[in-house]
Structures are given as C-alpha cells and as structure tokens.
Amino acid sequence: MMPFTILVIDDDSAILEMATELLASDGYRAVAAVGGEEGLTQARAVNPDLILLDYHMPRMDGLAVIQRLKANAATRRIPVVALTSGSAEQANELSRAGCVAFIPKPFSPAEFLGAVAEFVKATAGRSRRDEPHSKLD
C-alpha cells in the first residue's frame, strides 16, 4: 500500500522543514506548502490523506484556508488538523469550520508523530478503507 500523504501548510520554514522531515522519517509522504494559497494549490494537486494547517499566516490565515478547502468538492473530505499556538477562541473557529483536531505549538517530535499517527488511524485510514477499490484490485 502507498504511504499516507500528509500536506503541511505553514508560513514558518523551520516548522515546515521539521514537520516534513519527521513525517518522512516515520514513513509518510510529506508535502510542504508555504502559506495558504500554495497550500490550496497543493491540496488540489496531490490530494493528501491529511492536512496539517497553521492558523497564523499572513495574507490567508488557517481559518480562510479551511473554509476554502471545505467549500471545494475536490478537497472537502480531506481531514484537516490545526498546528497552532492560537487561542481557545481560534481553536473553536477552526473546529466549526471543519478542523478535526489540534496539535498545539510548540511540540516535541515524539508528541507530533504520536498525534499524527492517531489522526491518520482515525481519519485518513478510515477514508482509504471506505474508497472504492481501484481497477488493479
């Protein structure tokens, strides 16, 4: 089976590098996107199994990104997890917009990978099992 593809959307290059390296070392296909617009483009291009999304980004914050993801038929079913140091009010906004969970910043590598594994198992893994079988099956 193909590795799970996880799209990380953040404006902080250090977070993107750390997150994608951790994910790749744990067997995931990690794709990085700098900012909201690039994240939306990548989400449509790679159709990830899971999106990790920062809240605080210039030009287009995480709330605007998730609202656009959920409004698009091609991306609305992709589970989105917030990577954020935001407030409880911002977390509630993201949740109402369709975010399934949160990973608070800062995080340790072990906490990050543990949380991602749980989210993949609970959301992306279920989506894959529910998909119709391919022509190769």
Protein backbone atom coordinates (compact mmCIF):
# COMPACT_ATOMS: atom_id res chain seq x y z
CA MET A 1 0.00 0.00 0.00
CA MET A 2 1.16 3.52 -0.77
CA PRO A 3 2.34 5.62 2.20
CA PHE A 4 -0.11 8.17 3.53
CA THR A 5 0.42 11.62 2.03
CA ILE A 6 0.39 14.47 4.51
CA LEU A 7 0.34 18.10 3.39
CA VAL A 8 1.83 20.59 5.86
CA ILE A 9 0.73 24.20 5.34
CA ASP A 10 2.69 26.80 7.35
CA ASP A 11 4.44 30.10 6.72
CA ASP A 12 7.36 29.22 9.03
CA SER A 13 10.10 27.46 7.05
CA ALA A 14 11.64 25.96 10.21
CA ILE A 15 8.31 24.33 11.16
CA LEU A 16 7.79 23.10 7.59
CA GLU A 17 11.27 21.59 7.45
CA MET A 18 10.99 19.94 10.86
CA ALA A 19 7.48 18.60 10.25
CA THR A 20 8.20 17.22 6.79
CA GLU A 21 11.47 15.61 7.91
CA LEU A 22 9.76 13.99 10.90
CA LEU A 23 6.90 12.74 8.75
CA ALA A 24 9.24 11.36 6.08
CA SER A 25 11.37 9.61 8.72
CA ASP A 26 8.19 7.95 10.01
CA GLY A 27 7.24 6.60 6.58
CA TYR A 28 4.78 9.24 5.37
CA ARG A 29 4.93 11.07 2.06
CA ALA A 30 5.30 14.64 3.30
CA VAL A 31 4.47 17.64 1.12
CA ALA A 32 5.21 21.20 2.25
CA ALA A 33 3.34 24.35 1.28
CA VAL A 34 4.42 27.85 2.27
CA GLY A 35 1.25 29.77 3.11
CA GLY A 36 -2.43 29.41 2.37
CA GLU A 37 -2.53 29.97 -1.40
CA GLU A 38 0.22 27.42 -2.02
CA GLY A 39 -1.49 25.07 0.41
CA LEU A 40 -4.75 25.21 -1.53
CA THR A 41 -2.90 24.58 -4.79
CA GLN A 42 -1.01 21.62 -3.31
CA ALA A 43 -4.19 20.18 -1.76
CA ARG A 44 -5.81 20.02 -5.20
CA ALA A 45 -2.62 18.75 -6.88
CA VAL A 46 -1.62 15.93 -4.50
CA ASN A 47 -4.97 15.04 -2.88
CA PRO A 48 -3.38 14.33 0.52
CA ASP A 49 -4.75 11.89 3.08
CA LEU A 50 -4.35 14.50 5.83
CA ILE A 51 -3.59 18.24 6.03
CA LEU A 52 -1.70 19.85 8.91
CA LEU A 53 -2.57 23.55 8.88
CA ASP A 54 -1.12 26.54 10.73
CA TYR A 55 -3.59 29.16 11.94
CA HIS A 56 -1.37 32.26 12.00
CA MET A 57 -0.22 33.01 8.45
CA PRO A 58 -0.01 36.29 6.54
CA ARG A 59 -2.33 37.05 3.60
CA MET A 60 -4.53 33.99 4.24
CA ASP A 61 -4.88 32.56 7.73
CA GLY A 62 -5.72 28.95 8.56
CA LEU A 63 -9.40 29.73 9.00
CA ALA A 64 -9.66 31.11 5.45
CA VAL A 65 -7.75 28.08 4.12
CA ILE A 66 -10.01 25.52 5.80
CA GLN A 67 -13.12 27.39 4.70
CA ARG A 68 -11.92 27.24 1.08
CA LEU A 69 -10.92 23.58 1.41
CA LYS A 70 -14.35 22.64 2.77
CA ALA A 71 -16.15 24.71 0.10
CA ASN A 72 -14.43 22.81 -2.73
CA ALA A 73 -15.85 19.41 -3.69
CA ALA A 74 -12.37 18.13 -4.58
CA THR A 75 -10.90 18.89 -1.13
CA ARG A 76 -13.80 18.97 1.33
CA ARG A 77 -13.36 15.37 2.54
CA ILE A 78 -9.65 15.71 3.38
CA PRO A 79 -9.24 15.71 7.18
CA VAL A 80 -7.57 18.87 8.49
CA VAL A 81 -5.63 19.12 11.76
CA ALA A 82 -4.56 22.53 13.05
CA LEU A 83 -0.93 23.10 14.05
CA THR A 84 -1.35 26.15 16.19
CA SER A 85 -0.39 28.22 19.17
CA GLY A 86 -3.72 30.01 18.84
CA SER A 87 -6.28 30.84 21.47
CA ALA A 88 -9.25 28.72 22.51
CA GLU A 89 -11.48 31.08 20.50
CA GLN A 90 -9.38 30.48 17.36
CA ALA A 91 -9.47 26.73 18.01
CA ASN A 92 -13.27 26.90 18.23
CA GLU A 93 -13.43 28.82 14.93
CA LEU A 94 -11.28 26.19 13.23
CA SER A 95 -13.37 23.39 14.70
CA ARG A 96 -16.61 24.98 13.47
CA ALA A 97 -15.04 25.38 10.02
CA GLY A 98 -14.24 21.66 9.85
CA CYS A 99 -10.92 21.07 11.59
CA VAL A 100 -10.94 17.59 13.17
CA ALA A 101 -8.21 18.08 15.80
CA PHE A 102 -5.33 20.22 17.02
CA ILE A 103 -1.62 19.83 17.64
CA PRO A 104 -0.53 22.69 19.91
CA LYS A 105 2.72 24.52 19.17
CA PRO A 106 5.38 24.15 20.38
CA PHE A 107 5.53 20.36 20.23
CA SER A 108 8.19 17.71 20.67
CA PRO A 109 8.98 15.34 17.79
CA ALA A 110 7.53 12.40 19.75
CA GLU A 111 4.30 14.29 20.57
CA PHE A 112 3.97 15.40 16.96
CA LEU A 113 4.45 11.93 15.44
CA GLY A 114 2.22 10.31 18.06
CA ALA A 115 -0.58 12.76 17.35
CA VAL A 116 -0.22 12.39 13.58
CA ALA A 117 -0.32 8.59 13.85
CA GLU A 118 -3.57 8.81 15.85
CA PHE A 119 -5.15 11.23 13.36
CA VAL A 120 -4.12 9.10 10.37
CA LYS A 121 -5.53 6.00 12.02
CA ALA A 122 -8.79 7.72 12.98
CA THR A 123 -9.42 9.81 9.86
CA ALA A 124 -7.27 9.22 6.80
CA GLY A 125 -7.09 5.46 7.31
CA ARG A 126 -10.86 5.27 7.52
CA SER A 127 -11.18 7.31 4.31
CA ARG A 128 -8.90 4.91 2.46
CA ARG A 129 -10.83 1.87 3.66
CA ASP A 130 -14.08 3.46 2.50
CA GLU A 131 -12.84 4.26 -1.02
CA PRO A 132 -13.97 2.00 -3.86
CA HIS A 133 -11.32 -0.48 -4.95
CA SER A 134 -9.13 0.54 -7.84
CA LYS A 135 -9.14 -1.19 -11.21
CA LEU A 136 -5.97 -3.02 -10.19
CA ASP A 137 -7.64 -4.86 -7.28
